Amino acid sequence: MTEVAASPAIEFIAKTVAEHPVVLFMKGVPDQPRCGFSSVAVQILDHLGVEFVGVDVLQDDELRQGIKTFTDWPTIPQLYVKGEFVGGSDIVREMFQSGELKTLLVDQGVISA
């Protein structure tokens, strides 16, 4: 039984998600999102007062493909809270509108109620 070595991109993703409570893999950076979906996710996190790490997947093709493989999720942005994949832009927006996102972030100790 041989183990397949993870790519450097997958290792980077796993390490980043493990080291930071909230990570948004996005197109662009939080100050300058480079797509509307990434912009929506950033605005929601900023509105909730969440400190998060934004990772620009446009800097590296392997990273952009790797994040899709890592979660088996086809779109970017992708939000992680405490190592768990939360979802993409639509899911984050729906969770925000329903109040579910804030509850999750409070429950995880990322923001205060």
Protein backbone atom coordinates (compact mmCIF):
# COMPACT_ATOMS: atom_id res chain seq x y z
CA MET A 1 0.00 0.00 0.00
CA THR A 2 1.65 3.22 -1.13
CA GLU A 3 0.64 6.67 -0.01
CA VAL A 4 0.28 9.37 -2.59
CA ALA A 5 2.33 12.40 -1.64
CA ALA A 6 0.21 15.52 -1.33
CA SER A 7 1.14 18.35 -3.66
CA PRO A 8 2.82 21.42 -2.15
CA ALA A 9 -0.42 23.32 -2.84
CA ILE A 10 -2.53 20.80 -0.89
CA GLU A 11 0.00 20.83 1.96
CA PHE A 12 -0.11 24.66 2.00
CA ILE A 13 -3.93 24.64 2.08
CA ALA A 14 -4.06 22.10 4.92
CA LYS A 15 -1.45 24.03 6.93
CA THR A 16 -3.17 27.39 6.38
CA VAL A 17 -6.60 26.02 7.37
CA ALA A 18 -5.08 24.38 10.45
CA GLU A 19 -3.16 27.47 11.60
CA HIS A 20 -5.84 30.16 11.20
CA PRO A 21 -9.34 30.17 12.74
CA VAL A 22 -10.95 31.75 9.66
CA VAL A 23 -9.55 31.46 6.13
CA LEU A 24 -11.06 32.68 2.88
CA PHE A 25 -9.53 31.27 -0.28
CA MET A 26 -10.49 33.93 -2.79
CA LYS A 27 -9.68 35.66 -6.04
CA GLY A 28 -7.65 38.72 -5.09
CA VAL A 29 -6.98 39.90 -1.56
CA PRO A 30 -9.42 41.21 1.08
CA ASP A 31 -8.55 44.85 0.27
CA GLN A 32 -8.89 44.25 -3.47
CA PRO A 33 -11.13 41.30 -4.36
CA ARG A 34 -10.85 40.36 -8.03
CA CYS A 35 -14.30 38.86 -8.48
CA GLY A 36 -17.78 39.74 -7.28
CA PHE A 37 -18.24 36.51 -5.33
CA SER A 38 -15.01 37.03 -3.39
CA SER A 39 -16.06 40.63 -2.76
CA VAL A 40 -19.41 39.52 -1.29
CA ALA A 41 -17.70 37.04 1.05
CA VAL A 42 -15.21 39.69 2.23
CA GLN A 43 -17.99 42.23 2.82
CA ILE A 44 -19.95 39.72 4.92
CA LEU A 45 -16.92 38.77 7.04
CA ASP A 46 -16.01 42.46 7.49
CA HIS A 47 -19.62 43.29 8.44
CA LEU A 48 -19.54 40.59 11.13
CA GLY A 49 -16.18 41.86 12.40
CA VAL A 50 -14.37 38.61 11.65
CA GLU A 51 -10.59 38.58 11.57
CA PHE A 52 -9.65 36.31 8.72
CA VAL A 53 -6.81 35.37 6.43
CA GLY A 54 -7.46 35.92 2.73
CA VAL A 55 -5.49 33.69 0.36
CA ASP A 56 -5.31 34.83 -3.28
CA VAL A 57 -5.66 31.72 -5.45
CA LEU A 58 -4.91 33.75 -8.61
CA GLN A 59 -1.24 33.92 -7.64
CA ASP A 60 -0.71 30.21 -8.33
CA ASP A 61 -2.46 27.83 -10.75
CA GLU A 62 -1.60 24.82 -8.60
CA LEU A 63 -3.19 26.52 -5.60
CA ARG A 64 -6.31 27.45 -7.60
CA GLN A 65 -6.77 23.83 -8.71
CA GLY A 66 -5.63 22.46 -5.35
CA ILE A 67 -8.32 24.24 -3.33
CA LYS A 68 -11.00 22.73 -5.58
CA THR A 69 -9.49 19.28 -5.08
CA PHE A 70 -9.00 19.82 -1.34
CA THR A 71 -12.73 20.31 -0.73
CA ASP A 72 -14.16 18.69 -3.84
CA TRP A 73 -15.90 22.03 -4.35
CA PRO A 74 -15.74 23.59 -7.84
CA THR A 75 -15.93 27.30 -7.07
CA ILE A 76 -13.96 30.04 -5.37
CA PRO A 77 -14.20 31.70 -2.85
CA GLN A 78 -14.16 29.03 -0.18
CA LEU A 79 -14.59 29.82 3.52
CA TYR A 80 -13.10 27.73 6.32
CA VAL A 81 -13.85 28.17 10.02
CA LYS A 82 -11.75 26.25 12.55
CA GLY A 83 -10.55 23.87 9.85
CA GLU A 84 -14.05 23.08 8.55
CA PHE A 85 -15.18 23.98 5.05
CA VAL A 86 -18.24 26.22 5.36
CA GLY A 87 -19.00 26.88 1.71
CA GLY A 88 -18.71 29.22 -1.23
CA SER A 89 -20.14 32.68 -1.80
CA ASP A 90 -23.80 31.63 -2.18
CA ILE A 91 -23.77 29.47 0.95
CA VAL A 92 -21.95 32.16 2.96
CA ARG A 93 -24.49 34.77 1.82
CA GLU A 94 -27.47 32.52 2.64
CA MET A 95 -26.02 31.67 6.04
CA PHE A 96 -25.39 35.36 6.72
CA GLN A 97 -28.94 36.34 5.76
CA SER A 98 -30.46 33.63 7.95
CA GLY A 99 -28.19 34.46 10.90
CA GLU A 100 -26.66 31.00 10.75
CA LEU A 101 -23.18 32.29 9.87
CA LYS A 102 -23.00 34.59 12.88
CA THR A 103 -24.20 31.76 15.13
CA LEU A 104 -21.51 29.45 13.72
CA LEU A 105 -18.79 32.07 14.23
CA VAL A 106 -19.95 32.79 17.79
CA ASP A 107 -20.18 29.06 18.60
CA GLN A 108 -16.65 28.56 17.26
CA GLY A 109 -15.37 31.42 19.39
CA VAL A 110 -14.28 33.46 16.38
CA ILE A 111 -16.47 36.47 17.19
CA SER A 112 -18.36 37.47 20.30
CA ALA A 113 -22.14 37.58 20.47
